[in-house]
Amino acid sequence: MITLYHAPRSRSSSILWLLEEIGAPYKVAITPIVYGDGHGAAAPESYRAIHPHKKVPAIDDDGRPVFESAAIVLYLADKFSLGGIAPKLDDPRRGAYLTWVVYYSAVMNPIVTARFRSWDSENPTGFGTMEDMEAFLAKTLEAHPYIVGDSFTAADILIGGAVRFFKSNLLSDRKCYDDYIARLDARPAFKRAQAKDNG
């Protein structure tokens, strides 16, 4: 059985949603973390056996730990929903799907962090600008209802979580973001995950 190491209302909330989407049996191990605003408490040292930096999300799949959101999404969606919410290897959407899953962690998160911390105010960063990232995101969501095309994929779990979190403070006010989040929020698996995340 899969164990999700989870801190409520954190990045691991997306993995809770993913687990509801794929329907695999799982259990949740509530894991203490220090949140971005400084509140909370660090996980015990023993947790480093699961995540070397004592962060969430992480999973254990029958003795096989996997950590980092993008890695967990790729692992679980391929294992339990290949051809469903993970495009098959020969699906024309597979390249865009992989790109957006990795873009979330390699580009979006660093850019947003740099903007939050004002690291990008004087010097350019190596991973791109907030303006270029948002233009790419908006253009994609204006072209089709989901991040990879006309149907939901596991990439939407990551990108949707980021859009939901940042649209009130960092992203421009755009109809495509509002419509996108409304589509994601209507998914039964998202509603189940929210109910579990909120206790």
N, C-alpha and C. Protein backbone atom coordinates (compact mmCIF):
# COMPACT_ATOMS: atom_id res chain seq x y z
N MET A 1 0.84 -1.20 0.00
CA MET A 1 0.00 0.00 0.00
C MET A 1 0.88 1.25 0.00
N ILE A 2 0.37 2.30 -0.62
CA ILE A 2 1.10 3.56 -0.67
C ILE A 2 0.86 4.34 0.62
N THR A 3 1.92 4.88 1.17
CA THR A 3 1.82 5.82 2.28
C THR A 3 2.19 7.20 1.75
N LEU A 4 1.31 8.16 1.96
CA LEU A 4 1.59 9.55 1.62
C LEU A 4 2.01 10.28 2.89
N TYR A 5 3.20 10.83 2.86
CA TYR A 5 3.66 11.68 3.96
C TYR A 5 3.18 13.09 3.65
N HIS A 6 2.29 13.57 4.50
CA HIS A 6 1.47 14.72 4.15
C HIS A 6 1.40 15.74 5.28
N ALA A 7 1.51 17.00 4.92
CA ALA A 7 1.23 18.10 5.83
C ALA A 7 0.02 18.84 5.27
N PRO A 8 -1.03 19.00 6.06
CA PRO A 8 -2.24 19.65 5.53
C PRO A 8 -1.96 21.03 4.93
N ARG A 9 -2.67 21.29 3.81
CA ARG A 9 -2.58 22.56 3.12
C ARG A 9 -1.13 22.94 2.78
N SER A 10 -0.45 21.98 2.18
CA SER A 10 0.92 22.18 1.72
C SER A 10 1.03 21.61 0.31
N ARG A 11 2.23 21.55 -0.23
CA ARG A 11 2.39 20.98 -1.57
C ARG A 11 1.95 19.52 -1.64
N SER A 12 1.95 18.85 -0.51
CA SER A 12 1.52 17.45 -0.54
C SER A 12 0.02 17.31 -0.77
N SER A 13 -0.72 18.42 -0.65
CA SER A 13 -2.16 18.38 -0.94
C SER A 13 -2.42 17.95 -2.38
N SER A 14 -1.53 18.34 -3.29
CA SER A 14 -1.68 17.94 -4.69
C SER A 14 -1.55 16.43 -4.85
N ILE A 15 -0.67 15.82 -4.06
CA ILE A 15 -0.50 14.37 -4.17
C ILE A 15 -1.71 13.65 -3.57
N LEU A 16 -2.29 14.21 -2.53
CA LEU A 16 -3.54 13.67 -2.00
C LEU A 16 -4.61 13.66 -3.09
N TRP A 17 -4.71 14.76 -3.83
CA TRP A 17 -5.64 14.83 -4.96
C TRP A 17 -5.31 13.78 -6.01
N LEU A 18 -4.03 13.64 -6.36
CA LEU A 18 -3.63 12.64 -7.35
C LEU A 18 -4.05 11.25 -6.91
N LEU A 19 -3.83 10.92 -5.66
CA LEU A 19 -4.20 9.59 -5.16
C LEU A 19 -5.71 9.36 -5.26
N GLU A 20 -6.49 10.40 -5.03
CA GLU A 20 -7.93 10.27 -5.22
C GLU A 20 -8.29 10.08 -6.69
N GLU A 21 -7.56 10.73 -7.57
CA GLU A 21 -7.83 10.59 -9.01
C GLU A 21 -7.53 9.18 -9.50
N ILE A 22 -6.41 8.59 -9.05
CA ILE A 22 -6.02 7.29 -9.60
C ILE A 22 -6.72 6.13 -8.91
N GLY A 23 -7.26 6.36 -7.72
CA GLY A 23 -8.02 5.33 -7.05
C GLY A 23 -7.20 4.21 -6.43
N ALA A 24 -5.90 4.40 -6.29
CA ALA A 24 -5.06 3.37 -5.66
C ALA A 24 -5.26 3.41 -4.15
N PRO A 25 -5.20 2.27 -3.47
CA PRO A 25 -5.31 2.30 -2.01
C PRO A 25 -4.10 3.02 -1.40
N TYR A 26 -4.38 3.84 -0.40
CA TYR A 26 -3.30 4.58 0.24
C TYR A 26 -3.69 4.90 1.67
N LYS A 27 -2.68 5.27 2.43
CA LYS A 27 -2.90 5.80 3.77
C LYS A 27 -2.08 7.06 3.91
N VAL A 28 -2.50 7.91 4.83
CA VAL A 28 -1.84 9.21 5.04
C VAL A 28 -1.10 9.18 6.36
N ALA A 29 0.15 9.58 6.33
CA ALA A 29 0.95 9.77 7.54
C ALA A 29 1.17 11.27 7.70
N ILE A 30 0.44 11.87 8.63
CA ILE A 30 0.60 13.32 8.86
C ILE A 30 2.03 13.56 9.34
N THR A 31 2.70 14.48 8.66
CA THR A 31 4.12 14.72 8.88
C THR A 31 4.34 16.19 9.23
N PRO A 32 4.96 16.48 10.35
CA PRO A 32 5.19 17.88 10.70
C PRO A 32 6.24 18.51 9.77
N ILE A 33 6.00 19.74 9.41
CA ILE A 33 6.96 20.51 8.61
C ILE A 33 6.97 21.94 9.13
N VAL A 34 7.99 22.68 8.78
CA VAL A 34 8.02 24.11 9.00
C VAL A 34 7.50 24.75 7.71
N TYR A 35 6.38 25.45 7.81
CA TYR A 35 5.76 26.08 6.64
C TYR A 35 6.55 27.32 6.22
N GLY A 36 6.22 27.83 5.05
CA GLY A 36 6.93 28.98 4.49
C GLY A 36 6.90 30.22 5.36
N ASP A 37 5.84 30.36 6.17
CA ASP A 37 5.76 31.55 7.04
C ASP A 37 6.43 31.33 8.39
N GLY A 38 7.08 30.16 8.54
CA GLY A 38 7.83 29.90 9.77
C GLY A 38 7.10 29.11 10.84
N HIS A 39 5.78 28.95 10.71
CA HIS A 39 5.08 28.19 11.75
C HIS A 39 5.20 26.69 11.49
N GLY A 40 4.93 25.92 12.50
CA GLY A 40 5.05 24.47 12.40
C GLY A 40 6.29 23.97 13.10
N ALA A 41 6.56 22.69 12.92
CA ALA A 41 7.71 22.07 13.56
C ALA A 41 8.35 21.10 12.58
N ALA A 42 9.64 20.92 12.70
CA ALA A 42 10.36 20.02 11.80
C ALA A 42 10.00 18.56 12.07
N ALA A 43 10.04 17.77 11.04
CA ALA A 43 9.84 16.33 11.18
C ALA A 43 11.00 15.73 11.96
N PRO A 44 10.79 14.56 12.57
CA PRO A 44 11.89 13.93 13.31
C PRO A 44 13.02 13.49 12.38
N GLU A 45 14.19 13.32 12.94
CA GLU A 45 15.35 12.91 12.16
C GLU A 45 15.11 11.59 11.43
N SER A 46 14.32 10.72 12.02
CA SER A 46 14.06 9.42 11.39
C SER A 46 13.37 9.56 10.03
N TYR A 47 12.69 10.69 9.81
CA TYR A 47 11.99 10.91 8.54
C TYR A 47 12.96 11.10 7.38
N ARG A 48 14.23 11.39 7.66
CA ARG A 48 15.21 11.52 6.57
C ARG A 48 15.35 10.23 5.76
N ALA A 49 14.94 9.11 6.31
CA ALA A 49 14.96 7.85 5.55
C ALA A 49 13.96 7.91 4.39
N ILE A 50 12.95 8.76 4.51
CA ILE A 50 11.94 8.94 3.46
C ILE A 50 12.29 10.15 2.59
N HIS A 51 12.58 11.28 3.22
CA HIS A 51 12.95 12.50 2.49
C HIS A 51 14.19 13.09 3.13
N PRO A 52 15.28 13.24 2.38
CA PRO A 52 16.54 13.67 2.97
C PRO A 52 16.52 15.06 3.58
N HIS A 53 15.55 15.88 3.20
CA HIS A 53 15.45 17.24 3.73
C HIS A 53 14.26 17.43 4.65
N LYS A 54 13.61 16.31 5.00
CA LYS A 54 12.48 16.32 5.92
C LYS A 54 11.34 17.21 5.43
N LYS A 55 11.05 17.11 4.13
CA LYS A 55 9.98 17.90 3.53
C LYS A 55 8.87 16.97 3.04
N VAL A 56 7.77 17.57 2.64
CA VAL A 56 6.70 16.84 1.97
C VAL A 56 6.48 17.52 0.62
N PRO A 57 5.93 16.79 -0.35
CA PRO A 57 5.40 15.44 -0.26
C PRO A 57 6.48 14.38 -0.45
N ALA A 58 6.14 13.22 0.06
CA ALA A 58 6.91 12.00 -0.19
C ALA A 58 5.93 10.84 -0.09
N ILE A 59 6.24 9.78 -0.77
CA ILE A 59 5.43 8.57 -0.66
C ILE A 59 6.35 7.39 -0.39
N ASP A 60 5.77 6.34 0.14
CA ASP A 60 6.44 5.06 0.24
C ASP A 60 5.51 4.05 -0.39
N ASP A 61 5.97 3.42 -1.45
CA ASP A 61 5.19 2.41 -2.15
C ASP A 61 5.78 1.05 -1.84
N ASP A 62 5.28 0.44 -0.77
CA ASP A 62 5.77 -0.88 -0.34
C ASP A 62 7.29 -0.92 -0.24
N GLY A 63 7.85 0.05 0.49
CA GLY A 63 9.29 0.07 0.74
C GLY A 63 10.10 0.85 -0.28
N ARG A 64 9.43 1.45 -1.26
CA ARG A 64 10.12 2.25 -2.27
C ARG A 64 9.75 3.72 -2.07
N PRO A 65 10.61 4.50 -1.42
CA PRO A 65 10.28 5.91 -1.24
C PRO A 65 10.49 6.70 -2.54
N VAL A 66 9.60 7.65 -2.76
CA VAL A 66 9.70 8.58 -3.88
C VAL A 66 9.38 9.95 -3.32
N PHE A 67 10.20 10.95 -3.62
CA PHE A 67 9.92 12.30 -3.15
C PHE A 67 10.13 13.29 -4.28
N GLU A 68 9.66 14.50 -4.07
CA GLU A 68 9.56 15.61 -5.03
C GLU A 68 8.26 15.44 -5.83
N SER A 69 7.50 16.51 -5.86
CA SER A 69 6.16 16.46 -6.47
C SER A 69 6.15 15.92 -7.89
N ALA A 70 7.04 16.43 -8.74
CA ALA A 70 7.04 15.99 -10.13
C ALA A 70 7.36 14.51 -10.25
N ALA A 71 8.31 14.03 -9.46
CA ALA A 71 8.67 12.61 -9.50
C ALA A 71 7.50 11.75 -9.03
N ILE A 72 6.83 12.18 -7.98
CA ILE A 72 5.69 11.41 -7.46
C ILE A 72 4.56 11.36 -8.48
N VAL A 73 4.27 12.49 -9.11
CA VAL A 73 3.22 12.52 -10.13
C VAL A 73 3.55 11.57 -11.27
N LEU A 74 4.77 11.63 -11.78
CA LEU A 74 5.14 10.74 -12.88
C LEU A 74 5.08 9.27 -12.46
N TYR A 75 5.57 8.98 -11.28
CA TYR A 75 5.60 7.60 -10.79
C TYR A 75 4.18 7.05 -10.62
N LEU A 76 3.35 7.76 -9.88
CA LEU A 76 2.01 7.24 -9.58
C LEU A 76 1.11 7.22 -10.81
N ALA A 77 1.16 8.28 -11.61
CA ALA A 77 0.27 8.33 -12.78
C ALA A 77 0.65 7.26 -13.79
N ASP A 78 1.94 7.02 -13.98
CA ASP A 78 2.34 5.96 -14.90
C ASP A 78 2.00 4.59 -14.34
N LYS A 79 2.21 4.39 -13.07
CA LYS A 79 1.96 3.07 -12.48
C LYS A 79 0.48 2.71 -12.43
N PHE A 80 -0.36 3.70 -12.12
CA PHE A 80 -1.77 3.40 -11.87
C PHE A 80 -2.73 3.96 -12.92
N SER A 81 -2.26 4.86 -13.78
CA SER A 81 -3.22 5.48 -14.70
C SER A 81 -2.62 5.76 -16.08
N LEU A 82 -1.66 4.94 -16.49
CA LEU A 82 -1.09 5.11 -17.82
C LEU A 82 -2.19 4.88 -18.85
N GLY A 83 -2.39 5.86 -19.69
CA GLY A 83 -3.49 5.82 -20.63
C GLY A 83 -4.74 6.51 -20.11
N GLY A 84 -4.75 6.81 -18.80
CA GLY A 84 -5.85 7.56 -18.20
C GLY A 84 -5.40 9.00 -18.05
N ILE A 85 -4.97 9.37 -16.85
CA ILE A 85 -4.52 10.74 -16.65
C ILE A 85 -3.03 10.91 -16.95
N ALA A 86 -2.36 9.82 -17.30
CA ALA A 86 -0.98 9.89 -17.81
C ALA A 86 -1.00 9.40 -19.25
N PRO A 87 -0.74 10.28 -20.21
CA PRO A 87 -0.74 9.82 -21.61
C PRO A 87 0.25 8.66 -21.81
N LYS A 88 -0.14 7.69 -22.61
CA LYS A 88 0.74 6.56 -22.92
C LYS A 88 1.98 7.04 -23.66
N LEU A 89 2.99 6.18 -23.71
CA LEU A 89 4.26 6.55 -24.31
C LEU A 89 4.13 6.97 -25.77
N ASP A 90 3.17 6.39 -26.49
CA ASP A 90 3.00 6.72 -27.90
C ASP A 90 1.89 7.75 -28.13
N ASP A 91 1.33 8.28 -27.07
CA ASP A 91 0.29 9.31 -27.18
C ASP A 91 0.94 10.62 -27.64
N PRO A 92 0.39 11.29 -28.62
CA PRO A 92 0.98 12.55 -29.09
C PRO A 92 1.09 13.62 -27.99
N ARG A 93 0.29 13.47 -26.92
CA ARG A 93 0.35 14.45 -25.83
C ARG A 93 1.47 14.17 -24.84
N ARG A 94 2.14 13.02 -24.97
CA ARG A 94 3.12 12.61 -23.96
C ARG A 94 4.24 13.63 -23.78
N GLY A 95 4.76 14.18 -24.86
CA GLY A 95 5.84 15.16 -24.76
C GLY A 95 5.42 16.41 -24.01
N ALA A 96 4.24 16.94 -24.35
CA ALA A 96 3.74 18.13 -23.66
C ALA A 96 3.46 17.82 -22.19
N TYR A 97 2.94 16.65 -21.92
CA TYR A 97 2.66 16.23 -20.55
C TYR A 97 3.94 16.21 -19.71
N LEU A 98 4.97 15.55 -20.21
CA LEU A 98 6.24 15.50 -19.48
C LEU A 98 6.83 16.89 -19.32
N THR A 99 6.73 17.69 -20.37
CA THR A 99 7.26 19.06 -20.31
C THR A 99 6.61 19.85 -19.19
N TRP A 100 5.29 19.79 -19.08
CA TRP A 100 4.60 20.59 -18.07
C TRP A 100 4.84 20.07 -16.65
N VAL A 101 4.97 18.75 -16.48
CA VAL A 101 5.27 18.23 -15.15
C VAL A 101 6.64 18.74 -14.69
N VAL A 102 7.62 18.70 -15.58
CA VAL A 102 8.96 19.15 -15.21
C VAL A 102 9.02 20.68 -15.16
N TYR A 103 8.30 21.35 -16.04
CA TYR A 103 8.27 22.82 -16.05
C TYR A 103 7.78 23.35 -14.70
N TYR A 104 6.83 22.65 -14.11
CA TYR A 104 6.32 23.05 -12.79
C TYR A 104 7.45 23.18 -11.78
N SER A 105 8.31 22.17 -11.71
CA SER A 105 9.35 22.18 -10.68
C SER A 105 10.62 22.90 -11.12
N ALA A 106 10.94 22.84 -12.40
CA ALA A 106 12.21 23.41 -12.86
C ALA A 106 12.13 24.88 -13.25
N VAL A 107 10.93 25.35 -13.56
CA VAL A 107 10.79 26.74 -14.02
C VAL A 107 9.80 27.52 -13.16
N MET A 108 8.56 27.04 -13.06
CA MET A 108 7.53 27.82 -12.35
C MET A 108 7.91 28.07 -10.89
N ASN A 109 8.23 27.02 -10.16
CA ASN A 109 8.54 27.20 -8.74
C ASN A 109 9.75 28.11 -8.50
N PRO A 110 10.87 27.92 -9.23
CA PRO A 110 11.99 28.85 -9.02
C PRO A 110 11.65 30.30 -9.38
N ILE A 111 10.91 30.50 -10.46
CA ILE A 111 10.55 31.87 -10.84
C ILE A 111 9.67 32.53 -9.79
N VAL A 112 8.69 31.79 -9.32
CA VAL A 112 7.78 32.34 -8.31
C VAL A 112 8.52 32.62 -7.00
N THR A 113 9.40 31.70 -6.62
CA THR A 113 10.19 31.92 -5.40
C THR A 113 11.06 33.16 -5.55
N ALA A 114 11.69 33.31 -6.70
CA ALA A 114 12.52 34.50 -6.94
C ALA A 114 11.70 35.78 -6.84
N ARG A 115 10.48 35.74 -7.35
CA ARG A 115 9.63 36.93 -7.29
C ARG A 115 9.20 37.21 -5.85
N PHE A 116 8.80 36.17 -5.12
CA PHE A 116 8.41 36.34 -3.72
C PHE A 116 9.53 36.95 -2.89
N ARG A 117 10.74 36.49 -3.13
CA ARG A 117 11.90 36.93 -2.34
C ARG A 117 12.58 38.17 -2.92
N SER A 118 12.06 38.67 -4.05
CA SER A 118 12.63 39.83 -4.75
C SER A 118 14.05 39.58 -5.24
N TRP A 119 14.38 38.31 -5.46
CA TRP A 119 15.70 37.99 -6.00
C TRP A 119 15.83 38.40 -7.46
N ASP A 120 14.70 38.55 -8.15
CA ASP A 120 14.74 38.89 -9.57
C ASP A 120 14.59 40.38 -9.83
N SER A 121 14.64 41.19 -8.78
CA SER A 121 14.39 42.63 -8.95
C SER A 121 15.56 43.36 -9.61
N GLU A 122 16.76 42.89 -9.42
CA GLU A 122 17.92 43.59 -9.99
C GLU A 122 18.68 42.76 -11.02
N ASN A 123 18.73 41.47 -10.83
CA ASN A 123 19.50 40.62 -11.73
C ASN A 123 18.59 39.54 -12.33
N PRO A 124 18.81 39.20 -13.59
CA PRO A 124 18.01 38.13 -14.18
C PRO A 124 18.38 36.78 -13.55
N THR A 125 17.45 35.88 -13.56
CA THR A 125 17.71 34.53 -13.05
C THR A 125 17.95 33.59 -14.23
N GLY A 126 18.56 32.49 -13.95
CA GLY A 126 18.88 31.54 -15.02
C GLY A 126 17.70 30.72 -15.50
N PHE A 127 16.58 30.74 -14.78
CA PHE A 127 15.45 29.91 -15.17
C PHE A 127 14.35 30.69 -15.86
N GLY A 128 14.55 31.98 -16.16
CA GLY A 128 13.57 32.74 -16.92
C GLY A 128 12.91 33.82 -16.08
N THR A 129 12.05 34.58 -16.72
CA THR A 129 11.39 35.70 -16.04
C THR A 129 9.94 35.36 -15.72
N MET A 130 9.44 36.04 -14.72
CA MET A 130 8.03 35.89 -14.35
C MET A 130 7.13 36.23 -15.55
N GLU A 131 7.49 37.27 -16.26
CA GLU A 131 6.68 37.72 -17.39
C GLU A 131 6.62 36.67 -18.50
N ASP A 132 7.77 36.08 -18.83
CA ASP A 132 7.80 35.05 -19.87
C ASP A 132 7.04 33.80 -19.43
N MET A 133 7.22 33.42 -18.16
CA MET A 133 6.53 32.23 -17.66
C MET A 133 5.02 32.44 -17.71
N GLU A 134 4.57 33.60 -17.24
CA GLU A 134 3.13 33.83 -17.22
C GLU A 134 2.56 33.94 -18.63
N ALA A 135 3.30 34.54 -19.54
CA ALA A 135 2.82 34.63 -20.93
C ALA A 135 2.64 33.24 -21.53
N PHE A 136 3.58 32.34 -21.26
CA PHE A 136 3.50 30.97 -21.75
C PHE A 136 2.33 30.23 -21.12
N LEU A 137 2.15 30.38 -19.82
CA LEU A 137 1.05 29.74 -19.11
C LEU A 137 -0.29 30.23 -19.63
N ALA A 138 -0.45 31.55 -19.72
CA ALA A 138 -1.73 32.11 -20.17
C ALA A 138 -2.03 31.72 -21.62
N LYS A 139 -1.03 31.77 -22.49
CA LYS A 139 -1.23 31.39 -23.89
C LYS A 139 -1.71 29.94 -24.00
N THR A 140 -1.13 29.08 -23.17
CA THR A 140 -1.51 27.66 -23.19
C THR A 140 -2.95 27.48 -22.73
N LEU A 141 -3.31 28.14 -21.63
CA LEU A 141 -4.66 27.97 -21.08
C LEU A 141 -5.73 28.71 -21.88
N GLU A 142 -5.33 29.68 -22.65
CA GLU A 142 -6.28 30.34 -23.56
C GLU A 142 -6.53 29.48 -24.80
N ALA A 143 -5.59 28.59 -25.13
CA ALA A 143 -5.71 27.76 -26.34
C ALA A 143 -6.56 26.52 -26.12
N HIS A 144 -6.56 25.99 -24.89
CA HIS A 144 -7.35 24.79 -24.62
C HIS A 144 -7.67 24.70 -23.13
N PRO A 145 -8.65 23.88 -22.76
CA PRO A 145 -9.16 23.90 -21.39
C PRO A 145 -8.22 23.33 -20.33
N TYR A 146 -7.31 22.44 -20.73
CA TYR A 146 -6.37 21.86 -19.77
C TYR A 146 -4.95 22.12 -20.24
N ILE A 147 -3.99 21.89 -19.41
CA ILE A 147 -2.63 22.33 -19.70
C ILE A 147 -2.00 21.58 -20.87
N VAL A 148 -2.49 20.35 -21.14
CA VAL A 148 -1.92 19.57 -22.23
C VAL A 148 -2.88 19.45 -23.41
N GLY A 149 -4.05 20.01 -23.30
CA GLY A 149 -5.00 19.92 -24.41
C GLY A 149 -6.43 19.93 -23.94
N ASP A 150 -7.24 19.08 -24.55
CA ASP A 150 -8.67 19.08 -24.29
C ASP A 150 -9.10 18.17 -23.15
N SER A 151 -8.18 17.41 -22.58
CA SER A 151 -8.54 16.51 -21.49
C SER A 151 -7.58 16.65 -20.31
N PHE A 152 -8.09 16.32 -19.14
CA PHE A 152 -7.35 16.41 -17.89
C PHE A 152 -6.22 15.39 -17.87
N THR A 153 -5.04 15.80 -17.38
CA THR A 153 -3.93 14.88 -17.13
C THR A 153 -3.38 15.17 -15.74
N ALA A 154 -2.48 14.32 -15.30
CA ALA A 154 -1.85 14.52 -13.99
C ALA A 154 -1.05 15.82 -13.95
N ALA A 155 -0.62 16.33 -15.09
CA ALA A 155 0.08 17.62 -15.12
C ALA A 155 -0.82 18.73 -14.58
N ASP A 156 -2.11 18.62 -14.78
CA ASP A 156 -3.04 19.64 -14.29
C ASP A 156 -3.08 19.69 -12.77
N ILE A 157 -2.75 18.59 -12.12
CA ILE A 157 -2.73 18.59 -10.66
C ILE A 157 -1.64 19.55 -10.16
N LEU A 158 -0.47 19.50 -10.78
CA LEU A 158 0.62 20.38 -10.38
C LEU A 158 0.40 21.82 -10.84
N ILE A 159 0.10 21.98 -12.12
CA ILE A 159 -0.06 23.34 -12.66
C ILE A 159 -1.29 23.99 -12.05
N GLY A 160 -2.37 23.24 -11.91
CA GLY A 160 -3.58 23.79 -11.31
C GLY A 160 -3.36 24.25 -9.89
N GLY A 161 -2.62 23.45 -9.11
CA GLY A 161 -2.31 23.86 -7.74
C GLY A 161 -1.53 25.16 -7.70
N ALA A 162 -0.57 25.30 -8.62
CA ALA A 162 0.22 26.53 -8.67
C ALA A 162 -0.64 27.72 -9.09
N VAL A 163 -1.47 27.54 -10.11
CA VAL A 163 -2.32 28.64 -10.56
C VAL A 163 -3.29 29.04 -9.44
N ARG A 164 -3.89 28.06 -8.78
CA ARG A 164 -4.82 28.36 -7.69
C ARG A 164 -4.13 29.19 -6.60
N PHE A 165 -2.92 28.79 -6.23
CA PHE A 165 -2.21 29.44 -5.14
C PHE A 165 -1.73 30.84 -5.52
N PHE A 166 -1.29 31.02 -6.76
CA PHE A 166 -0.64 32.27 -7.13
C PHE A 166 -1.54 33.26 -7.86
N LYS A 167 -2.75 32.86 -8.24
CA LYS A 167 -3.55 33.78 -9.04
C LYS A 167 -4.07 34.97 -8.23
N SER A 168 -4.08 34.85 -6.92
CA SER A 168 -4.57 35.99 -6.13
C SER A 168 -3.47 36.99 -5.77
N ASN A 169 -2.20 36.62 -6.01
CA ASN A 169 -1.16 37.56 -5.59
C ASN A 169 -0.05 37.77 -6.61
N LEU A 170 0.27 36.80 -7.45
CA LEU A 170 1.38 36.96 -8.38
C LEU A 170 0.96 36.96 -9.85
N LEU A 171 -0.06 36.20 -10.18
CA LEU A 171 -0.49 36.12 -11.57
C LEU A 171 -1.48 37.24 -11.88
N SER A 172 -1.51 37.62 -13.13
CA SER A 172 -2.46 38.63 -13.58
C SER A 172 -3.88 38.10 -13.45
N ASP A 173 -4.82 39.00 -13.39
CA ASP A 173 -6.23 38.63 -13.33
C ASP A 173 -6.67 38.27 -14.75
N ARG A 174 -6.86 36.99 -14.99
CA ARG A 174 -7.21 36.51 -16.34
C ARG A 174 -8.37 35.52 -16.26
N LYS A 175 -9.27 35.64 -17.21
CA LYS A 175 -10.41 34.72 -17.27
C LYS A 175 -9.95 33.28 -17.46
N CYS A 176 -8.90 33.07 -18.23
CA CYS A 176 -8.45 31.69 -18.48
C CYS A 176 -8.03 31.01 -17.19
N TYR A 177 -7.47 31.75 -16.23
CA TYR A 177 -7.11 31.15 -14.94
C TYR A 177 -8.36 30.80 -14.14
N ASP A 178 -9.31 31.73 -14.10
CA ASP A 178 -10.55 31.48 -13.35
C ASP A 178 -11.29 30.27 -13.92
N ASP A 179 -11.39 30.21 -15.24
CA ASP A 179 -12.10 29.10 -15.88
C ASP A 179 -11.38 27.77 -15.63
N TYR A 180 -10.06 27.79 -15.70
CA TYR A 180 -9.25 26.60 -15.47
C TYR A 180 -9.47 26.06 -14.06
N ILE A 181 -9.37 26.93 -13.08
CA ILE A 181 -9.54 26.51 -11.69
C ILE A 181 -10.97 26.01 -11.45
N ALA A 182 -11.95 26.64 -12.05
CA ALA A 182 -13.33 26.19 -11.90
C ALA A 182 -13.50 24.77 -12.44
N ARG A 183 -12.88 24.47 -13.58
CA ARG A 183 -12.95 23.11 -14.14
C ARG A 183 -12.30 22.10 -13.19
N LEU A 184 -11.14 22.46 -12.65
CA LEU A 184 -10.43 21.54 -11.76
C LEU A 184 -11.19 21.35 -10.45
N ASP A 185 -11.72 22.43 -9.91
CA ASP A 185 -12.45 22.36 -8.63
C ASP A 185 -13.71 21.52 -8.73
N ALA A 186 -14.25 21.39 -9.92
CA ALA A 186 -15.48 20.61 -10.10
C ALA A 186 -15.23 19.10 -10.14
N ARG A 187 -13.99 18.69 -10.20
CA ARG A 187 -13.69 17.26 -10.28
C ARG A 187 -14.01 16.58 -8.95
N PRO A 188 -14.73 15.46 -8.98
CA PRO A 188 -15.06 14.77 -7.73
C PRO A 188 -13.85 14.38 -6.90
N ALA A 189 -12.76 13.96 -7.55
CA ALA A 189 -11.56 13.57 -6.80
C ALA A 189 -10.95 14.77 -6.09
N PHE A 190 -11.02 15.94 -6.69
CA PHE A 190 -10.51 17.14 -6.03
C PHE A 190 -11.34 17.44 -4.79
N LYS A 191 -12.65 17.32 -4.91
CA LYS A 191 -13.52 17.58 -3.76
C LYS A 191 -13.26 16.60 -2.62
N ARG A 192 -13.05 15.33 -2.97
CA ARG A 192 -12.74 14.34 -1.93
C ARG A 192 -11.42 14.67 -1.25
N ALA A 193 -10.42 15.04 -2.04
CA ALA A 193 -9.12 15.37 -1.47
C ALA A 193 -9.20 16.59 -0.58
N GLN A 194 -9.97 17.59 -0.99
CA GLN A 194 -10.13 18.80 -0.17
C GLN A 194 -10.78 18.47 1.17
N ALA A 195 -11.77 17.60 1.13
CA ALA A 195 -12.44 17.23 2.38
C ALA A 195 -11.49 16.51 3.32
N LYS A 196 -10.63 15.66 2.78
CA LYS A 196 -9.66 14.95 3.61
C LYS A 196 -8.55 15.88 4.09
N ASP A 197 -8.15 16.80 3.22
CA ASP A 197 -7.06 17.72 3.59
C ASP A 197 -7.51 18.68 4.68
N ASN A 198 -8.75 19.08 4.64
CA ASN A 198 -9.26 20.04 5.63
C ASN A 198 -9.73 19.37 6.92
N GLY A 199 -9.59 18.05 6.97
CA GLY A 199 -9.88 17.32 8.20
C GLY A 199 -11.33 17.15 8.49
